[in-house]
N, C-alpha and C. Protein backbone atom coordinates (compact mmCIF):
# COMPACT_ATOMS: atom_id res chain seq x y z
N UNK A 1 16.53 10.83 65.56
CA UNK A 1 17.34 11.97 65.41
C UNK A 1 18.90 11.72 65.50
N UNK A 2 19.66 12.35 64.44
CA UNK A 2 21.04 12.22 64.40
C UNK A 2 21.74 13.28 65.57
N UNK A 3 22.49 12.67 66.30
CA UNK A 3 23.19 13.35 67.24
C UNK A 3 24.26 14.30 66.76
N UNK A 4 25.15 13.92 65.88
CA UNK A 4 26.09 14.55 65.19
C UNK A 4 26.19 15.19 63.92
N UNK A 5 26.65 16.37 63.68
CA UNK A 5 26.60 16.84 62.17
C UNK A 5 28.11 17.20 62.04
N UNK A 6 28.61 16.77 60.61
CA UNK A 6 29.76 17.28 60.29
C UNK A 6 29.56 18.05 58.94
N UNK A 7 30.03 19.31 59.14
CA UNK A 7 29.80 20.30 58.12
C UNK A 7 30.95 20.75 57.56
N UNK A 8 31.11 20.82 56.29
CA UNK A 8 32.35 21.16 55.72
C UNK A 8 32.30 21.79 54.38
N UNK A 9 33.27 22.22 53.83
CA UNK A 9 33.32 22.58 52.39
C UNK A 9 34.58 22.24 51.81
N UNK A 10 34.90 22.24 50.52
CA UNK A 10 36.15 21.74 50.00
C UNK A 10 36.25 22.69 48.64
N UNK A 11 37.41 22.85 48.13
CA UNK A 11 37.48 23.45 46.86
C UNK A 11 38.12 22.61 45.93
N UNK A 12 39.29 21.75 46.32
CA UNK A 12 39.67 20.67 45.43
C UNK A 12 39.59 19.34 46.05
N UNK A 13 39.16 19.10 46.92
CA UNK A 13 38.60 17.62 47.58
C UNK A 13 39.31 17.18 48.76
N UNK A 14 40.35 17.72 49.26
CA UNK A 14 40.95 17.27 50.41
C UNK A 14 40.05 17.25 51.58
N UNK A 15 39.47 18.26 51.75
CA UNK A 15 38.60 18.43 53.04
C UNK A 15 37.34 17.40 53.09
N UNK A 16 36.87 17.30 51.76
CA UNK A 16 35.79 16.10 51.56
C UNK A 16 36.36 14.77 51.94
N UNK A 17 37.62 14.55 51.65
CA UNK A 17 38.13 13.12 51.88
C UNK A 17 38.26 13.04 53.51
N UNK A 18 38.74 14.11 53.96
CA UNK A 18 39.02 14.15 55.60
C UNK A 18 37.74 13.87 56.21
N UNK A 19 36.59 14.69 55.76
CA UNK A 19 35.28 14.55 56.39
C UNK A 19 34.78 13.11 56.27
N UNK A 20 35.01 12.55 55.06
CA UNK A 20 34.51 11.21 54.78
C UNK A 20 35.21 10.15 55.92
N UNK A 21 36.41 10.27 55.98
CA UNK A 21 37.31 9.45 56.76
C UNK A 21 36.70 9.56 58.13
N UNK A 22 36.50 10.84 58.73
CA UNK A 22 36.20 10.86 60.01
C UNK A 22 34.71 10.37 60.31
N UNK A 23 33.89 10.58 59.18
CA UNK A 23 32.58 10.10 59.58
C UNK A 23 32.37 8.63 59.56
N UNK A 24 33.37 7.93 58.58
CA UNK A 24 33.18 6.39 58.69
C UNK A 24 33.76 5.89 60.05
N UNK A 25 34.34 6.59 60.96
CA UNK A 25 34.78 6.02 62.16
C UNK A 25 33.67 6.61 63.42
N UNK A 26 32.98 7.54 62.85
CA UNK A 26 32.16 8.22 64.00
C UNK A 26 30.54 7.48 64.14
N UNK A 27 30.02 7.54 65.10
CA UNK A 27 28.83 7.01 65.44
C UNK A 27 27.62 8.13 65.03
N UNK A 28 26.52 7.82 64.80
CA UNK A 28 25.32 8.50 64.54
C UNK A 28 25.78 10.19 63.94
N UNK A 29 26.24 9.95 62.79
CA UNK A 29 26.67 11.26 62.23
C UNK A 29 26.11 11.78 60.88
N UNK A 30 25.73 12.68 60.63
CA UNK A 30 25.40 13.21 59.15
C UNK A 30 26.47 14.13 58.71
N UNK A 31 26.79 13.98 57.43
CA UNK A 31 27.79 14.82 56.77
C UNK A 31 27.25 15.58 55.65
N UNK A 32 27.66 17.04 55.76
CA UNK A 32 26.84 17.89 54.86
C UNK A 32 27.73 18.95 54.48
N UNK A 33 27.75 19.62 53.27
CA UNK A 33 28.43 20.77 52.92
C UNK A 33 27.67 21.88 53.49
N UNK A 34 28.40 23.08 53.70
CA UNK A 34 27.84 24.11 54.64
C UNK A 34 26.65 24.74 53.77
N UNK A 35 26.70 24.96 52.54
CA UNK A 35 25.43 25.44 52.05
C UNK A 35 24.23 24.46 52.06
N UNK A 36 24.41 23.26 52.21
CA UNK A 36 23.19 22.33 52.35
C UNK A 36 22.37 22.44 53.78
N UNK A 37 23.03 23.12 54.66
CA UNK A 37 22.45 23.22 56.02
C UNK A 37 21.30 24.18 56.12
N UNK A 38 20.08 23.75 56.47
CA UNK A 38 18.87 24.55 56.75
C UNK A 38 18.72 24.81 58.09
N UNK A 39 19.18 24.00 58.97
CA UNK A 39 18.92 24.18 60.55
C UNK A 39 19.94 23.23 61.34
N UNK A 40 20.43 23.70 62.48
CA UNK A 40 21.28 22.78 63.30
C UNK A 40 20.56 22.60 64.72
N UNK A 41 19.26 22.95 64.58
CA UNK A 41 18.52 22.66 65.87
C UNK A 41 18.33 21.34 66.38
N UNK A 42 18.39 20.23 65.53
CA UNK A 42 18.26 18.89 66.02
C UNK A 42 19.61 18.14 66.30
N UNK A 43 20.70 18.79 66.13
CA UNK A 43 22.00 18.18 66.48
C UNK A 43 22.51 18.82 67.72
N UNK A 44 23.08 18.08 68.49
CA UNK A 44 23.81 18.27 69.79
C UNK A 44 25.41 18.75 69.59
N UNK A 45 25.91 18.07 68.60
CA UNK A 45 27.45 18.05 68.31
C UNK A 45 27.73 18.50 66.92
N UNK A 46 28.43 19.50 66.82
CA UNK A 46 28.74 20.17 65.31
C UNK A 46 30.16 20.09 65.24
N UNK A 47 30.60 19.36 64.03
CA UNK A 47 31.97 19.25 63.82
C UNK A 47 32.05 20.09 62.32
N UNK A 48 32.96 21.15 62.58
CA UNK A 48 33.10 21.99 61.33
C UNK A 48 34.61 21.89 60.66
N UNK A 49 34.61 21.57 59.49
CA UNK A 49 35.90 21.56 58.74
C UNK A 49 35.99 22.40 57.51
N UNK A 50 37.24 23.09 57.34
CA UNK A 50 37.23 23.95 56.18
C UNK A 50 38.75 23.99 55.90
N UNK A 51 39.04 23.99 54.45
CA UNK A 51 40.30 24.39 53.95
C UNK A 51 40.82 25.62 54.31
N UNK A 52 41.91 26.01 54.29
CA UNK A 52 42.61 27.28 54.38
C UNK A 52 42.82 27.68 53.06
N UNK A 53 42.23 29.06 52.86
CA UNK A 53 42.57 29.86 51.45
C UNK A 53 42.96 31.26 52.07
N UNK A 54 44.23 31.71 51.67
CA UNK A 54 44.73 33.11 52.31
C UNK A 54 44.34 33.35 53.74
N UNK A 55 44.57 32.29 54.52
CA UNK A 55 44.60 32.53 56.02
C UNK A 55 42.96 32.80 56.32
N UNK A 56 42.09 32.10 55.59
CA UNK A 56 40.83 32.28 55.99
C UNK A 56 40.00 31.02 55.65
N UNK A 57 38.95 30.77 56.27
CA UNK A 57 37.95 29.58 55.96
C UNK A 57 37.31 29.86 54.69
N UNK A 58 36.97 28.90 53.96
CA UNK A 58 36.12 29.03 52.81
C UNK A 58 35.11 29.94 53.25
N UNK A 59 34.62 30.73 52.23
CA UNK A 59 33.34 31.69 52.43
C UNK A 59 32.20 30.99 52.77
N UNK A 60 31.86 29.69 52.28
CA UNK A 60 30.71 29.00 52.78
C UNK A 60 30.65 28.55 54.25
N UNK A 61 31.95 28.29 54.88
CA UNK A 61 32.02 28.03 56.19
C UNK A 61 31.92 29.35 57.02
N UNK A 62 32.43 30.34 56.71
CA UNK A 62 32.09 31.77 57.31
C UNK A 62 30.57 32.11 57.39
N UNK A 63 29.99 31.91 56.16
CA UNK A 63 28.69 32.23 56.08
C UNK A 63 27.91 31.09 57.13
N UNK A 64 28.22 30.00 57.12
CA UNK A 64 27.33 28.92 57.87
C UNK A 64 27.56 29.46 59.28
N UNK A 65 28.76 29.63 59.84
CA UNK A 65 28.91 30.26 61.17
C UNK A 65 28.18 31.37 61.47
N UNK A 66 28.27 32.47 60.47
CA UNK A 66 27.36 33.62 60.89
C UNK A 66 25.99 33.47 60.75
N UNK A 67 25.49 32.46 60.03
CA UNK A 67 24.06 32.23 59.83
C UNK A 67 23.45 31.53 61.27
N UNK A 68 24.51 30.71 61.72
CA UNK A 68 23.90 29.83 63.06
C UNK A 68 24.73 30.20 64.17
N UNK A 69 25.06 31.57 64.20
CA UNK A 69 25.95 32.00 65.09
C UNK A 69 25.11 31.83 66.77
N UNK A 70 24.03 31.95 66.81
CA UNK A 70 23.12 31.97 68.12
C UNK A 70 22.87 30.36 68.46
N UNK A 71 22.56 29.56 67.40
CA UNK A 71 22.36 28.27 67.77
C UNK A 71 23.70 27.50 67.96
N UNK A 72 24.83 28.02 67.58
CA UNK A 72 26.04 27.37 67.94
C UNK A 72 26.30 27.51 69.52
N UNK A 73 25.67 28.66 69.80
CA UNK A 73 26.16 28.85 71.51
C UNK A 73 25.71 27.88 72.32
N UNK A 74 24.63 26.90 71.72
CA UNK A 74 24.03 25.97 72.53
C UNK A 74 24.51 24.40 72.12
N UNK A 75 25.66 24.36 71.23
CA UNK A 75 26.14 22.97 70.89
C UNK A 75 27.54 22.87 71.32
N UNK A 76 27.97 21.68 71.39
CA UNK A 76 29.37 21.29 71.44
C UNK A 76 29.85 21.28 70.08
N UNK A 77 30.99 21.72 69.95
CA UNK A 77 31.82 22.04 68.80
C UNK A 77 33.13 21.61 68.70
N UNK A 78 33.44 20.82 67.51
CA UNK A 78 34.75 20.20 67.31
C UNK A 78 35.13 21.06 65.89
N UNK A 79 36.43 21.35 65.70
CA UNK A 79 36.73 22.13 64.41
C UNK A 79 37.89 21.50 63.88
N UNK A 80 38.12 21.68 62.71
CA UNK A 80 39.40 21.15 61.89
C UNK A 80 39.62 22.07 60.77
N UNK A 81 40.89 22.42 60.54
CA UNK A 81 41.22 22.97 59.18
C UNK A 81 42.38 22.00 58.41
N UNK A 82 42.12 22.35 57.03
CA UNK A 82 43.25 21.38 56.11
C UNK A 82 44.14 22.44 55.55
N UNK A 83 45.31 22.23 55.87
CA UNK A 83 46.50 23.28 55.19
C UNK A 83 47.53 22.39 55.34
N UNK A 84 48.38 22.72 54.22
CA UNK A 84 49.62 21.92 53.96
C UNK A 84 50.81 22.48 55.00
N UNK A 85 50.60 23.69 55.49
CA UNK A 85 51.56 24.05 56.61
C UNK A 85 51.03 23.77 58.02
N UNK A 86 51.21 22.76 58.62
CA UNK A 86 50.51 22.18 59.67
C UNK A 86 50.91 23.10 60.96
N UNK A 87 51.89 23.53 60.94
CA UNK A 87 52.28 24.37 62.17
C UNK A 87 52.00 25.82 62.07
N UNK A 88 52.46 26.81 62.77
CA UNK A 88 52.37 28.23 62.72
C UNK A 88 53.55 28.80 62.52
N UNK A 89 53.81 29.74 61.53
CA UNK A 89 55.23 30.14 61.37
C UNK A 89 54.91 31.74 61.02
N UNK A 90 55.99 32.48 60.92
CA UNK A 90 55.85 33.98 60.57
C UNK A 90 56.42 34.03 59.17
N UNK A 91 55.62 34.67 58.34
CA UNK A 91 56.00 34.84 56.91
C UNK A 91 55.67 36.44 56.60
N UNK A 92 56.78 37.07 56.22
CA UNK A 92 56.87 38.67 56.07
C UNK A 92 56.09 39.41 57.30
N UNK A 93 56.44 39.03 58.37
CA UNK A 93 55.91 39.68 59.32
C UNK A 93 54.57 39.16 59.80
N UNK A 94 53.83 38.13 59.27
CA UNK A 94 52.35 37.82 59.55
C UNK A 94 52.47 36.41 59.79
N UNK A 95 51.52 35.93 60.59
CA UNK A 95 51.44 34.50 60.95
C UNK A 95 50.89 33.90 60.02
N UNK A 96 51.16 32.65 59.60
CA UNK A 96 50.60 31.91 58.68
C UNK A 96 50.67 30.28 59.06
N UNK A 97 49.84 29.56 58.59
CA UNK A 97 50.01 28.04 58.76
C UNK A 97 48.64 27.60 59.39
N UNK A 98 48.68 26.26 59.47
CA UNK A 98 47.49 25.36 60.05
C UNK A 98 47.11 25.82 61.11
N UNK A 99 48.01 26.04 62.41
CA UNK A 99 47.58 26.37 63.66
C UNK A 99 47.16 27.79 63.70
N UNK A 100 47.65 28.69 62.83
CA UNK A 100 47.06 30.04 62.81
C UNK A 100 45.73 30.02 62.30
N UNK A 101 45.47 29.15 61.19
CA UNK A 101 44.26 29.12 60.62
C UNK A 101 43.24 28.48 61.55
N UNK A 102 43.68 27.63 62.34
CA UNK A 102 42.73 27.18 63.29
C UNK A 102 42.48 27.99 64.30
N UNK A 103 43.11 29.06 64.62
CA UNK A 103 42.84 30.11 65.71
C UNK A 103 41.78 31.03 64.98
N UNK A 104 42.11 31.35 63.64
CA UNK A 104 40.97 32.31 62.90
C UNK A 104 39.69 31.67 62.96
N UNK A 105 39.64 30.33 62.72
CA UNK A 105 38.13 29.70 62.76
C UNK A 105 37.59 29.57 64.23
N UNK A 106 38.50 29.35 65.06
CA UNK A 106 38.20 29.40 66.59
C UNK A 106 37.57 30.42 67.09
N UNK A 107 38.40 31.71 66.71
CA UNK A 107 37.85 33.02 67.06
C UNK A 107 36.50 33.55 66.57
N UNK A 108 35.85 32.71 65.55
CA UNK A 108 34.74 33.16 65.02
C UNK A 108 33.47 32.33 65.69
N UNK A 109 33.81 31.48 66.66
CA UNK A 109 32.98 30.47 67.13
C UNK A 109 32.69 30.74 68.76
N UNK A 110 31.81 30.25 69.42
CA UNK A 110 31.65 30.44 70.82
C UNK A 110 32.90 29.54 71.51
N UNK A 111 34.08 30.19 71.73
CA UNK A 111 35.03 29.21 72.00
C UNK A 111 34.98 28.44 73.53
N UNK A 112 34.04 28.83 74.03
CA UNK A 112 33.76 27.95 75.18
C UNK A 112 33.08 26.63 75.06
N UNK A 113 32.49 26.58 73.76
CA UNK A 113 32.04 25.34 73.42
C UNK A 113 32.74 24.33 72.70
N UNK A 114 33.98 24.73 72.14
CA UNK A 114 34.80 23.89 71.39
C UNK A 114 35.51 23.08 72.36
N UNK A 115 35.17 21.74 71.91
CA UNK A 115 35.74 20.44 72.74
C UNK A 115 36.95 20.00 72.13
N UNK A 116 37.24 20.03 70.84
CA UNK A 116 38.44 19.52 70.19
C UNK A 116 38.63 20.20 68.93
N UNK A 117 39.93 20.29 68.56
CA UNK A 117 40.34 20.94 67.46
C UNK A 117 41.60 20.20 66.89
N UNK A 118 41.72 20.26 65.41
CA UNK A 118 42.97 19.64 64.88
C UNK A 118 43.29 20.29 63.47
N UNK A 119 44.35 20.14 63.31
CA UNK A 119 44.94 20.61 61.93
C UNK A 119 45.34 19.35 60.99
N UNK A 120 44.77 19.21 59.79
CA UNK A 120 45.12 18.04 59.01
C UNK A 120 45.79 18.71 57.59
N UNK A 121 46.64 17.96 57.25
CA UNK A 121 47.26 18.25 55.76
C UNK A 121 46.59 17.78 54.85
N UNK A 122 46.49 18.29 53.65
CA UNK A 122 45.81 18.06 52.43
C UNK A 122 46.51 17.59 51.35
N UNK A 123 46.02 17.88 50.13
CA UNK A 123 46.77 17.57 48.86
C UNK A 123 46.89 18.78 48.14
N UNK A 124 48.28 19.00 47.76
CA UNK A 124 48.47 20.20 46.83
C UNK A 124 48.81 19.62 45.54
N UNK A 125 47.84 19.69 44.58
CA UNK A 125 48.26 19.39 43.27
C UNK A 125 48.08 20.75 42.16
N UNK A 126 49.32 21.32 41.98
CA UNK A 126 49.26 22.57 41.38
C UNK A 126 48.73 22.48 39.71
N UNK A 127 48.69 21.35 39.30
CA UNK A 127 48.08 21.04 38.21
C UNK A 127 46.61 21.33 37.91
N UNK A 128 45.76 21.15 39.10
CA UNK A 128 44.31 21.33 38.93
C UNK A 128 44.12 22.69 39.49
N UNK A 129 44.86 23.55 39.99
CA UNK A 129 44.43 24.83 40.64
C UNK A 129 43.66 25.67 39.63
N UNK A 130 42.82 26.55 39.99
CA UNK A 130 42.47 27.28 38.98
C UNK A 130 43.56 28.55 38.88
N UNK A 131 43.18 29.52 37.97
CA UNK A 131 44.37 30.37 37.54
C UNK A 131 44.65 31.46 38.90
N UNK A 132 43.77 31.73 39.64
CA UNK A 132 43.85 32.52 40.73
C UNK A 132 44.77 31.84 41.91
N UNK A 133 44.50 30.47 42.10
CA UNK A 133 45.17 29.64 42.98
C UNK A 133 46.58 29.63 42.58
N UNK A 134 46.96 29.36 41.37
CA UNK A 134 48.19 29.08 40.87
C UNK A 134 49.17 30.46 41.06
N UNK A 135 48.45 31.59 40.52
CA UNK A 135 49.04 32.77 40.93
C UNK A 135 49.41 32.91 42.26
N UNK A 136 48.62 32.56 43.39
CA UNK A 136 48.94 32.65 44.70
C UNK A 136 50.26 31.74 45.19
N UNK A 137 50.23 30.55 44.64
CA UNK A 137 51.19 29.54 44.93
C UNK A 137 52.50 30.12 44.22
N UNK A 138 52.64 30.50 43.12
CA UNK A 138 53.79 31.01 42.42
C UNK A 138 54.32 32.10 43.42
N UNK A 139 53.58 32.99 43.72
CA UNK A 139 53.73 34.17 44.61
C UNK A 139 54.30 33.76 45.85
N UNK A 140 53.76 32.77 46.54
CA UNK A 140 54.14 32.35 47.86
C UNK A 140 55.64 31.85 47.63
N UNK A 141 55.78 31.07 46.66
CA UNK A 141 57.32 30.61 46.53
C UNK A 141 58.23 31.52 46.15
N UNK A 142 57.80 32.69 45.41
CA UNK A 142 58.71 33.75 45.26
C UNK A 142 58.97 34.54 46.50
N UNK A 143 57.90 34.60 47.35
CA UNK A 143 58.13 35.35 48.74
C UNK A 143 59.25 34.64 49.58
N UNK A 144 59.41 33.27 49.36
CA UNK A 144 60.30 32.59 50.21
C UNK A 144 61.76 32.47 49.44
N UNK A 145 61.85 33.19 48.33
CA UNK A 145 63.09 33.21 47.72
C UNK A 145 63.31 32.06 46.56
N UNK A 146 62.03 31.40 46.28
CA UNK A 146 62.13 30.25 45.34
C UNK A 146 61.38 30.96 44.15
N UNK A 147 61.80 31.49 43.11
CA UNK A 147 61.16 31.92 42.01
C UNK A 147 60.60 30.83 41.20
N UNK A 148 59.44 30.79 40.89
CA UNK A 148 58.77 29.94 40.07
C UNK A 148 57.71 30.42 38.99
N UNK A 149 57.67 30.30 38.03
CA UNK A 149 56.83 30.92 37.02
C UNK A 149 55.53 29.96 37.02
N UNK A 150 54.41 30.85 36.84
CA UNK A 150 53.18 30.13 37.14
C UNK A 150 52.95 29.04 35.85
N UNK A 151 53.73 29.15 34.95
CA UNK A 151 53.53 28.00 33.73
C UNK A 151 54.57 26.79 34.27
N UNK A 152 55.27 26.88 35.02
CA UNK A 152 56.11 25.86 35.49
C UNK A 152 55.61 24.95 36.60
N UNK A 153 54.55 25.47 37.17
CA UNK A 153 53.74 24.65 38.36
C UNK A 153 53.38 23.25 37.79
N UNK A 154 53.17 23.23 36.52
CA UNK A 154 52.61 21.73 35.94
C UNK A 154 53.80 20.64 36.24
N UNK A 155 54.97 21.19 36.47
CA UNK A 155 56.01 20.34 36.88
C UNK A 155 56.33 19.97 38.16
N UNK A 156 55.63 20.68 38.96
CA UNK A 156 55.65 20.66 40.45
C UNK A 156 55.03 19.57 41.18
N UNK A 157 55.91 18.83 41.78
CA UNK A 157 55.30 17.33 42.32
C UNK A 157 54.04 17.61 43.15
N UNK A 158 53.03 16.53 43.18
CA UNK A 158 51.97 16.50 43.99
C UNK A 158 52.37 16.35 45.51
N UNK A 159 51.84 17.25 46.37
CA UNK A 159 52.30 17.14 47.73
C UNK A 159 51.07 16.54 48.43
N UNK A 160 51.18 15.33 49.04
CA UNK A 160 49.99 14.68 49.76
C UNK A 160 50.21 14.55 51.12
N UNK A 161 49.63 15.32 52.12
CA UNK A 161 49.70 15.10 53.53
C UNK A 161 48.52 14.61 54.17
N UNK A 162 47.82 13.86 53.34
CA UNK A 162 46.50 13.39 53.97
C UNK A 162 47.10 12.36 54.83
N UNK A 163 46.29 12.06 55.94
CA UNK A 163 46.71 11.04 56.91
C UNK A 163 45.55 10.33 57.67
N UNK A 164 45.18 9.33 57.13
CA UNK A 164 44.02 8.56 57.56
C UNK A 164 44.17 8.18 58.97
N UNK A 165 45.51 7.92 59.34
CA UNK A 165 45.70 7.57 60.85
C UNK A 165 45.18 8.86 61.79
N UNK A 166 45.59 9.97 61.24
CA UNK A 166 45.08 11.01 62.13
C UNK A 166 43.72 11.33 62.28
N UNK A 167 43.27 11.13 61.06
CA UNK A 167 41.65 11.42 61.02
C UNK A 167 40.95 10.36 62.03
N UNK A 168 41.50 9.06 61.84
CA UNK A 168 40.82 8.06 62.72
C UNK A 168 41.21 8.41 64.17
N UNK A 169 42.31 8.97 64.64
CA UNK A 169 42.48 9.39 65.95
C UNK A 169 41.59 10.49 66.40
N UNK A 170 41.26 11.42 65.53
CA UNK A 170 40.52 12.52 65.81
C UNK A 170 39.02 11.95 65.94
N UNK A 171 38.52 11.08 65.02
CA UNK A 171 37.20 10.47 65.21
C UNK A 171 37.23 9.82 66.58
N UNK A 172 38.08 9.10 66.96
CA UNK A 172 38.12 8.29 68.15
C UNK A 172 38.05 9.25 69.23
N UNK A 173 38.59 10.42 69.27
CA UNK A 173 38.41 11.27 70.44
C UNK A 173 37.17 11.95 70.37
N UNK A 174 36.48 12.07 69.14
CA UNK A 174 35.22 12.75 68.91
C UNK A 174 34.03 11.66 69.76
N UNK A 175 34.26 10.36 69.29
CA UNK A 175 33.36 9.16 69.83
C UNK A 175 33.45 9.13 71.45
N UNK A 176 34.61 9.63 71.94
CA UNK A 176 34.75 9.50 73.56
C UNK A 176 34.40 10.82 74.15
N UNK A 177 33.85 11.83 73.45
CA UNK A 177 33.30 13.05 74.18
C UNK A 177 31.97 12.83 74.60
């Protein structure tokens, strides 16, 4: 029986890279996308990772948490979110950012079982975003006073905040729990 399960989902690949990096440093772990999980009864430790979209975990992560809500009460849990805004800030009277998104994920889980949490940076490559996400990026720039047209996003540089060292530190902490 495998002791650890790292469950994640990804939209553009950053969360999958982080999940792989963590799993390469972990002992006794299975890594699966949220929709692949049929049961968590055989695991003692669940690590949940999700990117941030509109200050929400991906729908598949929310569905995983809801589906296994009772079982999660019996497990040790670690969580991580992937967000290019690592800290928490206020934007138009609303909290945003990685720490805020971590709080959203935490509040959906039995908080007394959460033993470790982290915010990781990802990659923002505007060239590969779908139309809806391109609209959101252009709108967010406009909201902070930097008007950018959706069609100009192809000229935006790739923002890469992936950090292998931080992933290794997180995995080391997990191994020591």
